[in-house]
Amino acid sequence: MATKMKVKKGDRVMVITGRDKGKVGTVLRAIPTESRVIVEGVNIVKRHQRQSVRDQGGVVEKEAAIHVSNVSHIDPRSSRPTRVGFKKLDDGRKVRVARRSGEVIDV
């Protein structure tokens, strides 16, 4: 079931559980239909790839998707994990806010 995710492409997140716990990376891709994200340098898996015209064949390491509940947004002020809330600005925009510091995440 697809749910609204508070994590978007380009966000800095920390893995809070699993074998990569504590690693920090940037979200490369968000997959809302599966509630999953692909984070740079996290959940590295090996895949066997056939040779093609532009790519050499062999064993390739790449990032696999992890569930969005296993990552936490990084607070822009303190660089610690935080939850995400929403707030309406004076100009009418709805923006994401770090719960720990109150800092606006969306610029």
C-alpha atoms as a PDB file:
ATOM      1  CA  MET A   1       0.000   0.000   0.000  1.00  0.00           C
ATOM      2  CA  ALA A   2       1.401   3.366  -1.009  1.00  0.00           C
ATOM      3  CA  THR A   3       1.530   5.968   1.716  1.00  0.00           C
ATOM      4  CA  LYS A   4       2.626   9.580   1.675  1.00  0.00           C
ATOM      5  CA  MET A   5       6.344   9.638   2.369  1.00  0.00           C
ATOM      6  CA  LYS A   6       8.050  12.486   4.205  1.00  0.00           C
ATOM      7  CA  VAL A   7      11.391  11.677   2.552  1.00  0.00           C
ATOM      8  CA  LYS A   8      12.151  12.996  -0.930  1.00  0.00           C
ATOM      9  CA  LYS A   9      14.912  12.646  -3.490  1.00  0.00           C
ATOM     10  CA  GLY A  10      17.975  14.663  -2.458  1.00  0.00           C
ATOM     11  CA  ASP A  11      17.284  14.547   1.313  1.00  0.00           C
ATOM     12  CA  ARG A  12      20.082  13.606   3.734  1.00  0.00           C
ATOM     13  CA  VAL A  13      19.003  10.643   5.824  1.00  0.00           C
ATOM     14  CA  MET A  14      20.498   8.293   8.420  1.00  0.00           C
ATOM     15  CA  VAL A  15      19.815   4.559   8.555  1.00  0.00           C
ATOM     16  CA  ILE A  16      18.361   3.837  12.000  1.00  0.00           C
ATOM     17  CA  THR A  17      18.140   0.039  11.860  1.00  0.00           C
ATOM     18  CA  GLY A  18      19.612  -2.925   9.998  1.00  0.00           C
ATOM     19  CA  ARG A  19      23.137  -3.873   8.991  1.00  0.00           C
ATOM     20  CA  ASP A  20      23.926  -0.326   7.771  1.00  0.00           C
ATOM     21  CA  LYS A  21      22.726   1.341  10.991  1.00  0.00           C
ATOM     22  CA  GLY A  22      24.352   4.742  11.534  1.00  0.00           C
ATOM     23  CA  LYS A  23      25.303   5.366   7.905  1.00  0.00           C
ATOM     24  CA  VAL A  24      24.366   8.738   6.414  1.00  0.00           C
ATOM     25  CA  GLY A  25      23.608   9.268   2.747  1.00  0.00           C
ATOM     26  CA  THR A  26      21.565  11.156   0.185  1.00  0.00           C
ATOM     27  CA  VAL A  27      18.312   9.749  -1.182  1.00  0.00           C
ATOM     28  CA  LEU A  28      18.946   8.896  -4.837  1.00  0.00           C
ATOM     29  CA  ARG A  29      15.422   7.700  -5.582  1.00  0.00           C
ATOM     30  CA  ALA A  30      12.106   7.520  -3.744  1.00  0.00           C
ATOM     31  CA  ILE A  31       9.625   4.747  -4.596  1.00  0.00           C
ATOM     32  CA  PRO A  32       6.325   5.779  -2.947  1.00  0.00           C
ATOM     33  CA  THR A  33       4.286   2.857  -4.359  1.00  0.00           C
ATOM     34  CA  GLU A  34       6.475   0.434  -2.372  1.00  0.00           C
ATOM     35  CA  SER A  35       7.302   2.838   0.526  1.00  0.00           C
ATOM     36  CA  ARG A  36      10.998   2.410  -0.229  1.00  0.00           C
ATOM     37  CA  VAL A  37      14.014   4.634  -0.888  1.00  0.00           C
ATOM     38  CA  ILE A  38      17.440   4.108  -2.434  1.00  0.00           C
ATOM     39  CA  VAL A  39      20.171   5.786  -0.368  1.00  0.00           C
ATOM     40  CA  GLU A  40      23.667   6.524  -1.657  1.00  0.00           C
ATOM     41  CA  GLY A  41      26.247   4.110  -0.211  1.00  0.00           C
ATOM     42  CA  VAL A  42      23.712   2.109   1.816  1.00  0.00           C
ATOM     43  CA  ASN A  43      22.504  -1.501   1.348  1.00  0.00           C
ATOM     44  CA  ILE A  44      25.129  -2.368  -1.270  1.00  0.00           C
ATOM     45  CA  VAL A  45      24.377  -5.631  -3.115  1.00  0.00           C
ATOM     46  CA  LYS A  46      26.262  -7.516  -5.819  1.00  0.00           C
ATOM     47  CA  ARG A  47      24.502  -8.234  -9.105  1.00  0.00           C
ATOM     48  CA  HIS A  48      25.759 -10.267 -12.054  1.00  0.00           C
ATOM     49  CA  GLN A  49      25.420  -8.181 -15.208  1.00  0.00           C
ATOM     50  CA  ARG A  50      25.626  -9.362 -18.801  1.00  0.00           C
ATOM     51  CA  GLN A  51      27.990  -7.487 -21.088  1.00  0.00           C
ATOM     52  CA  SER A  52      26.354  -4.938 -23.386  1.00  0.00           C
ATOM     53  CA  VAL A  53      27.565  -2.463 -25.998  1.00  0.00           C
ATOM     54  CA  ARG A  54      28.203   0.320 -23.467  1.00  0.00           C
ATOM     55  CA  ASP A  55      28.771  -1.636 -20.219  1.00  0.00           C
ATOM     56  CA  GLN A  56      31.272  -4.311 -19.368  1.00  0.00           C
ATOM     57  CA  GLY A  57      29.898  -7.519 -17.890  1.00  0.00           C
ATOM     58  CA  GLY A  58      30.726  -9.003 -14.518  1.00  0.00           C
ATOM     59  CA  VAL A  59      29.777  -8.568 -10.887  1.00  0.00           C
ATOM     60  CA  VAL A  60      28.484  -5.047 -10.240  1.00  0.00           C
ATOM     61  CA  GLU A  61      27.903  -3.471  -6.826  1.00  0.00           C
ATOM     62  CA  LYS A  62      24.940  -1.135  -6.514  1.00  0.00           C
ATOM     63  CA  GLU A  63      22.516   0.253  -3.951  1.00  0.00           C
ATOM     64  CA  ALA A  64      19.306  -1.654  -3.249  1.00  0.00           C
ATOM     65  CA  ALA A  65      16.081  -0.156  -1.908  1.00  0.00           C
ATOM     66  CA  ILE A  66      15.333  -0.099   1.823  1.00  0.00           C
ATOM     67  CA  HIS A  67      12.057   0.565   3.572  1.00  0.00           C
ATOM     68  CA  VAL A  68      11.372   4.216   4.407  1.00  0.00           C
ATOM     69  CA  SER A  69      10.700   3.327   8.062  1.00  0.00           C
ATOM     70  CA  ASN A  70      14.360   2.314   8.421  1.00  0.00           C
ATOM     71  CA  VAL A  71      15.671   5.814   7.661  1.00  0.00           C
ATOM     72  CA  SER A  72      15.376   9.085   9.561  1.00  0.00           C
ATOM     73  CA  HIS A  73      15.792  12.597   8.235  1.00  0.00           C
ATOM     74  CA  ILE A  74      18.929  14.526   9.295  1.00  0.00           C
ATOM     75  CA  ASP A  75      18.332  17.820  11.133  1.00  0.00           C
ATOM     76  CA  PRO A  76      19.967  20.652   9.105  1.00  0.00           C
ATOM     77  CA  ARG A  77      21.010  22.484  12.300  1.00  0.00           C
ATOM     78  CA  SER A  78      22.366  19.719  14.546  1.00  0.00           C
ATOM     79  CA  SER A  79      23.128  16.918  12.004  1.00  0.00           C
ATOM     80  CA  ARG A  80      21.246  14.432  14.199  1.00  0.00           C
ATOM     81  CA  PRO A  81      18.248  12.254  13.221  1.00  0.00           C
ATOM     82  CA  THR A  82      14.868  13.920  13.568  1.00  0.00           C
ATOM     83  CA  ARG A  83      11.239  13.376  12.756  1.00  0.00           C
ATOM     84  CA  VAL A  84       9.549  15.497  10.098  1.00  0.00           C
ATOM     85  CA  GLY A  85       6.481  17.674  10.535  1.00  0.00           C
ATOM     86  CA  PHE A  86       4.606  20.138   8.347  1.00  0.00           C
ATOM     87  CA  LYS A  87       3.991  23.843   8.767  1.00  0.00           C
ATOM     88  CA  LYS A  88       2.273  26.564   6.733  1.00  0.00           C
ATOM     89  CA  LEU A  89       4.328  29.669   6.056  1.00  0.00           C
ATOM     90  CA  ASP A  90       2.974  33.226   5.903  1.00  0.00           C
ATOM     91  CA  ASP A  91       3.011  33.158   2.099  1.00  0.00           C
ATOM     92  CA  GLY A  92       0.736  30.089   2.125  1.00  0.00           C
ATOM     93  CA  ARG A  93       3.325  27.421   1.266  1.00  0.00           C
ATOM     94  CA  LYS A  94       3.270  24.105   3.141  1.00  0.00           C
ATOM     95  CA  VAL A  95       6.823  23.098   4.036  1.00  0.00           C
ATOM     96  CA  ARG A  96       8.522  20.234   5.892  1.00  0.00           C
ATOM     97  CA  VAL A  97       9.995  21.110   9.286  1.00  0.00           C
ATOM     98  CA  ALA A  98      12.536  19.271  11.465  1.00  0.00           C
ATOM     99  CA  ARG A  99      10.815  18.425  14.768  1.00  0.00           C
ATOM    100  CA  ARG A 100      14.070  18.557  16.764  1.00  0.00           C
ATOM    101  CA  SER A 101      15.023  22.161  15.917  1.00  0.00           C
ATOM    102  CA  GLY A 102      12.017  23.626  14.087  1.00  0.00           C
ATOM    103  CA  GLU A 103      14.252  24.371  11.081  1.00  0.00           C
ATOM    104  CA  VAL A 104      12.563  24.445   7.651  1.00  0.00           C
ATOM    105  CA  ILE A 105      13.810  21.566   5.467  1.00  0.00           C
ATOM    106  CA  ASP A 106      12.268  22.645   2.131  1.00  0.00           C
ATOM    107  CA  VAL A 107      13.864  25.753   0.681  1.00  0.00           C
END
